[in-house]
Amino acid sequence: MATHKIAIVKGDGIGVDVVDEGMKVLDALAPKYGITWDYTEFPWSSDYYFQHGEMMPATALGTLENFNAVFLGAVGHPDIQDNITLDGLLLPIRRRFDQY
C-alpha cells in the first residue's frame, strides 16, 4: 500500500472547514485505491501571525519539501493586510513548488 505524506495548512475561516471536508474525501478514497495518507498539520494561519509576527517560520518551505503534497486552505483575516498573508504564506508556497 502506497503512503503519501501530506502537509496540512488549514488556514483561516472557511479554509479550515474546506480542508477538513477534503481530508474526509481523501480518507474515503484511500482504501478503494490502496493508498494511505500520512498527514502532518501545521498551524500557519492568521492566528499564527498574531502570536509570532509572521505567517509561517523561515524554515517552513524547507520543511514542506519533505512532503508529497501540501493541502492549503484559504488564508486571510480582516485585521491583517492582504499583502501580509499573500507574501508571508500563500505566494512563497506557490512559487517554491510551482503551484499556480
Protein backbone atom coordinates (compact mmCIF):
# COMPACT_ATOMS: atom_id res chain seq x y z
CA MET A 1 0.00 0.00 0.00
CA ALA A 2 1.45 3.35 -1.04
CA THR A 3 1.77 6.03 1.62
CA HIS A 4 1.73 9.69 0.68
CA LYS A 5 2.91 12.39 3.07
CA ILE A 6 0.61 15.41 3.02
CA ALA A 7 1.31 18.69 4.78
CA ILE A 8 -1.92 20.21 6.05
CA VAL A 9 -2.19 24.01 6.34
CA LYS A 10 -5.85 24.71 7.10
CA GLY A 11 -5.50 28.47 7.09
CA ASP A 12 -8.37 30.64 8.27
CA GLY A 13 -12.16 30.82 8.31
CA ILE A 14 -13.77 28.66 5.65
CA GLY A 15 -10.34 27.23 4.79
CA VAL A 16 -10.45 25.14 7.96
CA ASP A 17 -13.83 23.66 7.05
CA VAL A 18 -12.90 23.05 3.41
CA VAL A 19 -9.67 21.26 4.32
CA ASP A 20 -11.44 19.16 6.97
CA GLU A 21 -14.03 18.05 4.41
CA GLY A 22 -11.36 17.45 1.79
CA MET A 23 -9.50 15.19 4.19
CA LYS A 24 -12.69 13.19 4.70
CA VAL A 25 -12.90 12.68 0.94
CA LEU A 26 -9.26 11.60 0.77
CA ASP A 27 -9.80 9.18 3.64
CA ALA A 28 -12.88 7.71 1.95
CA LEU A 29 -11.00 7.15 -1.32
CA ALA A 30 -7.84 5.72 0.21
CA PRO A 31 -8.99 2.11 0.77
CA LYS A 32 -10.50 1.87 -2.70
CA TYR A 33 -7.18 2.76 -4.32
CA GLY A 34 -4.82 1.13 -1.84
CA ILE A 35 -3.42 4.42 -0.58
CA THR A 36 -2.66 5.62 2.91
CA TRP A 37 -2.19 9.23 3.90
CA ASP A 38 0.35 10.44 6.40
CA TYR A 39 -1.00 13.84 7.43
CA THR A 40 1.09 16.41 9.28
CA GLU A 41 -0.75 19.56 10.28
CA PHE A 42 0.96 22.94 10.51
CA PRO A 43 -0.59 25.88 12.42
CA TRP A 44 0.30 28.55 9.87
CA SER A 45 -2.60 30.97 9.72
CA SER A 46 -3.66 34.43 10.79
CA ASP A 47 -3.73 33.23 14.41
CA TYR A 48 -0.11 32.14 13.97
CA TYR A 49 0.67 35.62 12.65
CA PHE A 50 -0.93 37.29 15.68
CA GLN A 51 1.17 35.10 18.00
CA HIS A 52 4.50 35.15 16.14
CA GLY A 53 4.50 38.21 13.88
CA GLU A 54 4.93 36.06 10.75
CA MET A 55 2.62 33.82 8.75
CA MET A 56 5.00 30.87 8.90
CA PRO A 57 8.54 30.34 10.19
CA ALA A 58 11.58 30.94 7.98
CA THR A 59 12.16 27.17 7.88
CA ALA A 60 8.66 26.38 6.60
CA LEU A 61 9.42 25.98 2.90
CA GLY A 62 12.31 23.64 3.64
CA THR A 63 10.03 21.62 5.89
CA LEU A 64 7.39 21.35 3.18
CA GLU A 65 9.93 19.92 0.73
CA ASN A 66 9.70 16.65 2.69
CA PHE A 67 6.07 16.10 1.68
CA ASN A 68 4.42 14.68 -1.42
CA ALA A 69 1.71 17.34 -1.31
CA VAL A 70 0.57 20.46 0.51
CA PHE A 71 -3.15 20.79 1.23
CA LEU A 72 -3.61 24.52 1.79
CA GLY A 73 -6.86 26.18 2.80
CA ALA A 74 -7.97 29.78 2.42
CA VAL A 75 -5.92 32.37 4.31
CA GLY A 76 -6.90 35.85 5.41
CA HIS A 77 -8.24 37.96 8.25
CA PRO A 78 -9.92 41.38 8.27
CA ASP A 79 -7.31 42.73 10.70
CA ILE A 80 -4.33 41.66 8.57
CA GLN A 81 -3.46 43.38 5.30
CA ASP A 82 -3.75 41.08 2.29
CA ASN A 83 -0.12 41.59 1.33
CA ILE A 84 0.96 40.04 4.63
CA THR A 85 -1.00 36.83 4.12
CA LEU A 86 -0.13 36.69 0.43
CA ASP A 87 3.58 37.47 0.72
CA GLY A 88 4.01 35.67 4.02
CA LEU A 89 2.38 32.34 3.20
CA LEU A 90 0.43 31.80 0.01
CA LEU A 91 2.80 33.15 -2.65
CA PRO A 92 6.01 31.70 -1.18
CA ILE A 93 4.44 28.22 -1.16
CA ARG A 94 3.09 28.63 -4.69
CA ARG A 95 6.37 29.94 -6.05
CA ARG A 96 8.61 27.42 -4.34
CA PHE A 97 6.56 24.45 -5.51
CA ASP A 98 5.42 25.92 -8.85
CA GLN A 99 1.73 25.82 -7.90
CA TYR A 100 -0.30 28.45 -9.73
